[in-house]
N, C-alpha and C. Protein backbone atom coordinates (compact mmCIF):
# COMPACT_ATOMS: atom_id res chain seq x y z
N MET A 1 -13.08 10.59 3.78
CA MET A 1 -12.00 9.62 3.66
C MET A 1 -12.57 8.22 3.88
N ASN A 2 -12.20 7.32 3.00
CA ASN A 2 -12.65 5.95 3.05
C ASN A 2 -11.60 5.09 3.75
N ILE A 3 -12.04 4.24 4.67
CA ILE A 3 -11.16 3.31 5.37
C ILE A 3 -11.76 1.93 5.26
N ASN A 4 -10.99 0.98 4.78
CA ASN A 4 -11.45 -0.40 4.63
C ASN A 4 -11.29 -1.12 5.96
N THR A 5 -12.38 -1.68 6.46
CA THR A 5 -12.35 -2.34 7.77
C THR A 5 -11.66 -3.70 7.74
N GLU A 6 -11.30 -4.19 6.55
CA GLU A 6 -10.62 -5.49 6.44
C GLU A 6 -9.10 -5.35 6.41
N CYS A 7 -8.60 -4.12 6.54
CA CYS A 7 -7.16 -3.87 6.41
C CYS A 7 -6.56 -3.41 7.73
N LEU A 8 -5.23 -3.51 7.79
CA LEU A 8 -4.44 -2.87 8.84
C LEU A 8 -3.63 -1.78 8.16
N TYR A 9 -3.18 -0.80 8.94
CA TYR A 9 -2.61 0.42 8.35
C TYR A 9 -1.28 0.82 8.99
N SER A 10 -0.43 1.44 8.16
CA SER A 10 0.84 1.99 8.66
C SER A 10 0.72 3.51 8.77
N LYS A 11 1.62 4.09 9.54
CA LYS A 11 1.62 5.55 9.69
C LYS A 11 2.03 6.26 8.41
N SER A 12 2.66 5.54 7.48
CA SER A 12 3.03 6.14 6.19
C SER A 12 1.95 5.92 5.13
N HIS A 13 0.77 5.51 5.57
CA HIS A 13 -0.44 5.44 4.74
C HIS A 13 -0.44 4.31 3.72
N GLU A 14 0.08 3.16 4.13
CA GLU A 14 -0.08 1.94 3.36
C GLU A 14 -1.05 1.02 4.09
N TRP A 15 -1.75 0.20 3.33
CA TRP A 15 -2.64 -0.79 3.94
C TRP A 15 -2.11 -2.18 3.64
N VAL A 16 -2.50 -3.13 4.47
CA VAL A 16 -2.20 -4.55 4.25
C VAL A 16 -3.45 -5.35 4.60
N ARG A 17 -3.76 -6.28 3.72
CA ARG A 17 -4.88 -7.21 3.95
C ARG A 17 -4.30 -8.61 3.84
N ILE A 18 -4.46 -9.39 4.91
CA ILE A 18 -3.92 -10.74 4.96
C ILE A 18 -5.02 -11.72 4.57
N GLU A 19 -4.72 -12.56 3.58
CA GLU A 19 -5.62 -13.64 3.18
C GLU A 19 -4.81 -14.91 3.12
N ASN A 20 -5.14 -15.85 4.01
CA ASN A 20 -4.36 -17.08 4.16
C ASN A 20 -2.92 -16.72 4.46
N ASP A 21 -1.97 -17.09 3.61
CA ASP A 21 -0.56 -16.79 3.87
C ASP A 21 -0.04 -15.69 2.95
N THR A 22 -0.94 -14.88 2.40
CA THR A 22 -0.57 -13.82 1.47
C THR A 22 -0.99 -12.47 2.01
N ALA A 23 -0.10 -11.50 1.87
CA ALA A 23 -0.41 -10.12 2.25
C ALA A 23 -0.56 -9.30 0.97
N TYR A 24 -1.70 -8.68 0.80
CA TYR A 24 -1.93 -7.72 -0.29
C TYR A 24 -1.60 -6.35 0.29
N ILE A 25 -0.80 -5.56 -0.44
CA ILE A 25 -0.43 -4.26 0.09
C ILE A 25 -0.65 -3.17 -0.97
N GLY A 26 -1.02 -1.99 -0.48
CA GLY A 26 -1.26 -0.85 -1.37
C GLY A 26 -1.26 0.44 -0.58
N ILE A 27 -1.72 1.50 -1.23
CA ILE A 27 -1.78 2.81 -0.56
C ILE A 27 -3.23 3.11 -0.17
N THR A 28 -3.38 3.90 0.86
CA THR A 28 -4.70 4.20 1.39
C THR A 28 -5.42 5.29 0.58
N ASP A 29 -6.69 5.40 0.85
CA ASP A 29 -7.49 6.46 0.24
C ASP A 29 -6.94 7.83 0.63
N TYR A 30 -6.52 7.96 1.89
CA TYR A 30 -5.92 9.21 2.36
C TYR A 30 -4.69 9.55 1.52
N ALA A 31 -3.82 8.56 1.29
CA ALA A 31 -2.59 8.78 0.53
C ALA A 31 -2.89 9.20 -0.90
N GLN A 32 -3.78 8.47 -1.57
CA GLN A 32 -4.07 8.81 -2.97
C GLN A 32 -4.71 10.17 -3.08
N ASN A 33 -5.49 10.56 -2.09
CA ASN A 33 -6.12 11.87 -2.09
C ASN A 33 -5.07 12.98 -1.93
N GLN A 34 -4.08 12.74 -1.07
CA GLN A 34 -3.00 13.72 -0.87
C GLN A 34 -2.11 13.84 -2.11
N LEU A 35 -1.91 12.71 -2.80
CA LEU A 35 -1.04 12.71 -3.98
C LEU A 35 -1.70 13.37 -5.19
N GLY A 36 -3.00 13.23 -5.33
CA GLY A 36 -3.67 13.72 -6.53
C GLY A 36 -3.64 12.64 -7.61
N ASP A 37 -3.83 13.05 -8.84
CA ASP A 37 -3.92 12.10 -9.95
C ASP A 37 -2.61 11.34 -10.12
N ILE A 38 -2.66 10.01 -9.96
CA ILE A 38 -1.48 9.17 -10.09
C ILE A 38 -1.26 8.84 -11.56
N VAL A 39 -0.03 9.08 -12.03
CA VAL A 39 0.28 8.90 -13.45
C VAL A 39 1.30 7.79 -13.71
N PHE A 40 1.95 7.27 -12.66
CA PHE A 40 2.95 6.22 -12.83
C PHE A 40 3.15 5.48 -11.51
N VAL A 41 3.32 4.16 -11.62
CA VAL A 41 3.66 3.35 -10.44
C VAL A 41 4.89 2.53 -10.78
N GLY A 42 5.94 2.69 -10.00
CA GLY A 42 7.15 1.87 -10.14
C GLY A 42 6.95 0.58 -9.38
N LEU A 43 6.77 -0.51 -10.10
CA LEU A 43 6.48 -1.79 -9.46
C LEU A 43 7.75 -2.46 -8.93
N PRO A 44 7.63 -3.18 -7.83
CA PRO A 44 8.79 -3.90 -7.29
C PRO A 44 9.09 -5.14 -8.13
N VAL A 45 10.15 -5.85 -7.75
CA VAL A 45 10.59 -7.04 -8.48
C VAL A 45 10.13 -8.28 -7.73
N VAL A 46 9.46 -9.19 -8.46
CA VAL A 46 9.03 -10.45 -7.86
C VAL A 46 10.27 -11.20 -7.37
N GLY A 47 10.16 -11.72 -6.15
CA GLY A 47 11.28 -12.45 -5.54
C GLY A 47 12.08 -11.62 -4.57
N ASP A 48 11.97 -10.29 -4.65
CA ASP A 48 12.69 -9.44 -3.71
C ASP A 48 12.14 -9.62 -2.30
N LYS A 49 13.03 -9.61 -1.34
CA LYS A 49 12.63 -9.62 0.07
C LYS A 49 12.56 -8.17 0.55
N VAL A 50 11.51 -7.86 1.30
CA VAL A 50 11.36 -6.51 1.84
C VAL A 50 11.17 -6.61 3.35
N SER A 51 11.61 -5.57 4.02
CA SER A 51 11.43 -5.47 5.47
C SER A 51 10.45 -4.34 5.75
N THR A 52 9.84 -4.41 6.90
CA THR A 52 8.92 -3.37 7.33
C THR A 52 9.60 -2.01 7.20
N SER A 53 8.92 -1.09 6.60
CA SER A 53 9.35 0.30 6.37
C SER A 53 10.34 0.47 5.23
N ASP A 54 10.67 -0.62 4.51
CA ASP A 54 11.49 -0.49 3.29
C ASP A 54 10.65 0.12 2.18
N ALA A 55 11.23 1.02 1.41
CA ALA A 55 10.56 1.52 0.20
C ALA A 55 10.63 0.39 -0.83
N TYR A 56 9.49 -0.08 -1.28
CA TYR A 56 9.47 -1.18 -2.25
C TYR A 56 8.91 -0.73 -3.60
N SER A 57 8.35 0.46 -3.66
CA SER A 57 7.71 0.96 -4.87
C SER A 57 7.73 2.48 -4.80
N ASP A 58 7.41 3.12 -5.92
CA ASP A 58 7.18 4.56 -5.88
C ASP A 58 5.97 4.87 -6.75
N VAL A 59 5.34 5.97 -6.39
CA VAL A 59 4.12 6.42 -7.06
C VAL A 59 4.35 7.86 -7.49
N GLU A 60 4.10 8.12 -8.76
CA GLU A 60 4.26 9.47 -9.29
C GLU A 60 2.87 10.04 -9.58
N SER A 61 2.66 11.24 -9.07
CA SER A 61 1.40 11.93 -9.33
C SER A 61 1.70 13.26 -10.01
N VAL A 62 0.64 13.99 -10.29
CA VAL A 62 0.85 15.30 -10.90
C VAL A 62 1.51 16.25 -9.90
N LYS A 63 1.50 15.91 -8.61
CA LYS A 63 2.07 16.75 -7.58
C LYS A 63 3.49 16.38 -7.18
N ALA A 64 3.79 15.07 -7.12
CA ALA A 64 5.08 14.63 -6.56
C ALA A 64 5.34 13.16 -6.85
N VAL A 65 6.55 12.74 -6.53
CA VAL A 65 6.90 11.32 -6.53
C VAL A 65 7.06 10.92 -5.07
N SER A 66 6.40 9.83 -4.69
CA SER A 66 6.45 9.39 -3.30
C SER A 66 6.84 7.92 -3.24
N ASP A 67 7.67 7.58 -2.27
CA ASP A 67 7.98 6.18 -2.01
C ASP A 67 6.78 5.51 -1.36
N VAL A 68 6.67 4.21 -1.60
CA VAL A 68 5.66 3.38 -0.95
C VAL A 68 6.43 2.38 -0.11
N TYR A 69 6.07 2.27 1.17
CA TYR A 69 6.81 1.47 2.13
C TYR A 69 6.05 0.19 2.48
N SER A 70 6.80 -0.86 2.70
CA SER A 70 6.18 -2.12 3.07
C SER A 70 5.72 -2.08 4.52
N PRO A 71 4.46 -2.45 4.77
CA PRO A 71 3.98 -2.47 6.16
C PRO A 71 4.40 -3.72 6.93
N VAL A 72 4.93 -4.74 6.22
CA VAL A 72 5.36 -5.99 6.85
C VAL A 72 6.61 -6.52 6.16
N ASP A 73 7.31 -7.43 6.84
CA ASP A 73 8.41 -8.17 6.21
C ASP A 73 7.80 -9.25 5.32
N GLY A 74 8.47 -9.55 4.21
CA GLY A 74 8.01 -10.64 3.37
C GLY A 74 8.76 -10.70 2.07
N THR A 75 8.31 -11.58 1.19
CA THR A 75 8.89 -11.76 -0.14
C THR A 75 7.83 -11.42 -1.17
N ILE A 76 8.19 -10.57 -2.13
CA ILE A 76 7.23 -10.17 -3.16
C ILE A 76 6.97 -11.36 -4.07
N SER A 77 5.72 -11.81 -4.09
CA SER A 77 5.36 -12.99 -4.87
C SER A 77 4.64 -12.62 -6.17
N GLU A 78 4.08 -11.43 -6.22
CA GLU A 78 3.36 -10.99 -7.43
C GLU A 78 3.23 -9.47 -7.39
N VAL A 79 3.22 -8.85 -8.57
CA VAL A 79 2.96 -7.42 -8.68
C VAL A 79 1.74 -7.22 -9.56
N ASN A 80 1.07 -6.11 -9.36
CA ASN A 80 -0.14 -5.81 -10.11
C ASN A 80 0.24 -5.11 -11.41
N THR A 81 0.42 -5.88 -12.46
CA THR A 81 0.86 -5.33 -13.74
C THR A 81 -0.20 -4.44 -14.41
N GLN A 82 -1.44 -4.49 -13.94
CA GLN A 82 -2.46 -3.57 -14.47
C GLN A 82 -2.06 -2.12 -14.24
N LEU A 83 -1.28 -1.88 -13.20
CA LEU A 83 -0.87 -0.51 -12.86
C LEU A 83 0.10 0.08 -13.87
N GLU A 84 0.75 -0.77 -14.66
CA GLU A 84 1.65 -0.26 -15.70
C GLU A 84 0.89 0.52 -16.76
N SER A 85 -0.28 0.04 -17.13
CA SER A 85 -1.08 0.71 -18.16
C SER A 85 -2.16 1.61 -17.58
N ASP A 86 -2.53 1.40 -16.32
CA ASP A 86 -3.61 2.19 -15.72
C ASP A 86 -3.30 2.52 -14.25
N PRO A 87 -2.30 3.39 -14.01
CA PRO A 87 -1.94 3.72 -12.63
C PRO A 87 -3.05 4.44 -11.88
N ALA A 88 -3.98 5.05 -12.60
CA ALA A 88 -5.09 5.77 -11.96
C ALA A 88 -6.04 4.85 -11.20
N LEU A 89 -5.88 3.53 -11.35
CA LEU A 89 -6.68 2.60 -10.55
C LEU A 89 -6.49 2.87 -9.06
N LEU A 90 -5.30 3.34 -8.69
CA LEU A 90 -5.05 3.67 -7.28
C LEU A 90 -5.90 4.84 -6.81
N ASN A 91 -6.28 5.73 -7.72
CA ASN A 91 -7.17 6.84 -7.37
C ASN A 91 -8.62 6.38 -7.28
N THR A 92 -9.04 5.55 -8.21
CA THR A 92 -10.45 5.19 -8.28
C THR A 92 -10.84 4.08 -7.31
N ASP A 93 -9.89 3.21 -6.97
CA ASP A 93 -10.20 2.09 -6.07
C ASP A 93 -8.96 1.72 -5.25
N PRO A 94 -8.56 2.57 -4.31
CA PRO A 94 -7.30 2.33 -3.60
C PRO A 94 -7.27 1.03 -2.79
N TYR A 95 -8.42 0.55 -2.29
CA TYR A 95 -8.41 -0.68 -1.50
C TYR A 95 -8.65 -1.92 -2.35
N GLY A 96 -9.16 -1.75 -3.54
CA GLY A 96 -9.34 -2.86 -4.45
C GLY A 96 -8.15 -3.04 -5.37
N THR A 97 -7.23 -2.07 -5.35
CA THR A 97 -6.06 -2.09 -6.23
C THR A 97 -4.81 -2.26 -5.37
N TRP A 98 -4.30 -3.46 -5.31
CA TRP A 98 -3.07 -3.74 -4.57
C TRP A 98 -1.89 -3.48 -5.50
N ILE A 99 -0.75 -3.16 -4.90
CA ILE A 99 0.48 -2.95 -5.67
C ILE A 99 1.28 -4.25 -5.73
N ALA A 100 1.37 -4.94 -4.61
CA ALA A 100 2.15 -6.18 -4.56
C ALA A 100 1.50 -7.16 -3.59
N LYS A 101 1.80 -8.44 -3.83
CA LYS A 101 1.45 -9.50 -2.90
C LYS A 101 2.74 -10.00 -2.28
N LEU A 102 2.70 -10.27 -0.97
CA LEU A 102 3.86 -10.78 -0.25
C LEU A 102 3.53 -12.14 0.36
N THR A 103 4.52 -13.02 0.35
CA THR A 103 4.43 -14.27 1.09
C THR A 103 5.54 -14.26 2.13
N ASP A 104 5.60 -15.32 2.93
CA ASP A 104 6.60 -15.41 4.01
C ASP A 104 6.53 -14.16 4.89
N ILE A 105 5.31 -13.74 5.19
CA ILE A 105 5.11 -12.48 5.90
C ILE A 105 5.38 -12.61 7.40
N SER A 106 5.76 -11.48 7.96
CA SER A 106 6.05 -11.42 9.38
C SER A 106 4.80 -11.00 10.14
N SER A 107 4.99 -10.74 11.35
CA SER A 107 3.94 -10.26 12.24
C SER A 107 3.42 -8.90 11.79
N THR A 108 2.19 -8.63 12.14
CA THR A 108 1.59 -7.33 11.84
C THR A 108 1.67 -6.40 13.05
N ASP A 109 2.51 -6.73 14.01
CA ASP A 109 2.70 -5.86 15.17
C ASP A 109 3.08 -4.46 14.71
N GLY A 110 2.54 -3.46 15.35
CA GLY A 110 2.87 -2.08 15.02
C GLY A 110 1.93 -1.45 14.02
N LEU A 111 1.09 -2.24 13.38
CA LEU A 111 0.13 -1.67 12.44
C LEU A 111 -1.13 -1.24 13.18
N MET A 112 -1.85 -0.31 12.60
CA MET A 112 -3.05 0.25 13.22
C MET A 112 -4.31 -0.46 12.72
N THR A 113 -5.28 -0.58 13.61
CA THR A 113 -6.60 -1.05 13.22
C THR A 113 -7.29 0.06 12.42
N PRO A 114 -8.39 -0.26 11.74
CA PRO A 114 -9.11 0.80 11.02
C PRO A 114 -9.50 1.98 11.93
N ALA A 115 -9.96 1.71 13.13
CA ALA A 115 -10.35 2.78 14.04
C ALA A 115 -9.14 3.63 14.45
N GLU A 116 -8.03 2.97 14.73
CA GLU A 116 -6.80 3.70 15.10
C GLU A 116 -6.31 4.54 13.93
N TYR A 117 -6.39 4.00 12.72
CA TYR A 117 -5.94 4.74 11.54
C TYR A 117 -6.83 5.96 11.29
N GLU A 118 -8.12 5.80 11.47
CA GLU A 118 -9.04 6.92 11.29
C GLU A 118 -8.71 8.04 12.28
N GLU A 119 -8.46 7.66 13.51
CA GLU A 119 -8.08 8.64 14.56
C GLU A 119 -6.75 9.31 14.21
N TYR A 120 -5.79 8.51 13.73
CA TYR A 120 -4.48 9.04 13.33
C TYR A 120 -4.62 10.08 12.22
N CYS A 121 -5.40 9.77 11.20
CA CYS A 121 -5.59 10.69 10.08
C CYS A 121 -6.34 11.95 10.50
N ALA A 122 -7.27 11.80 11.40
CA ALA A 122 -8.03 12.97 11.86
C ALA A 122 -7.14 13.97 12.59
N ALA A 123 -6.06 13.47 13.19
CA ALA A 123 -5.15 14.34 13.94
C ALA A 123 -4.11 15.03 13.03
N LEU A 124 -4.03 14.63 11.76
CA LEU A 124 -3.04 15.21 10.85
C LEU A 124 -3.43 16.60 10.38
């Protein structure tokens, strides 16, 4: 299992990477591995406000459809439209492939460090 040391993690297996005033969010390597081959990503709407733990997207794989939850409060400022034509990017590069960018972000309280997330996944 790959864990990016530049990210923070939620218990529902989403990552967030903060750069300046923007949060990049996506699903973890653990999540994409559990889902299997991803065939569709339902992208959120730019301008929508999301709260921590809100489902803002969904991911369809050959195994199931799963909601993707926001790890922080914020406003969706951009979506990764590459995922419309190539959703498998989440399988091949889960930390390089963000689903949405958020601005007006809240605190990252409650998120796990890479070491905490690794320990959490090992216990599953």
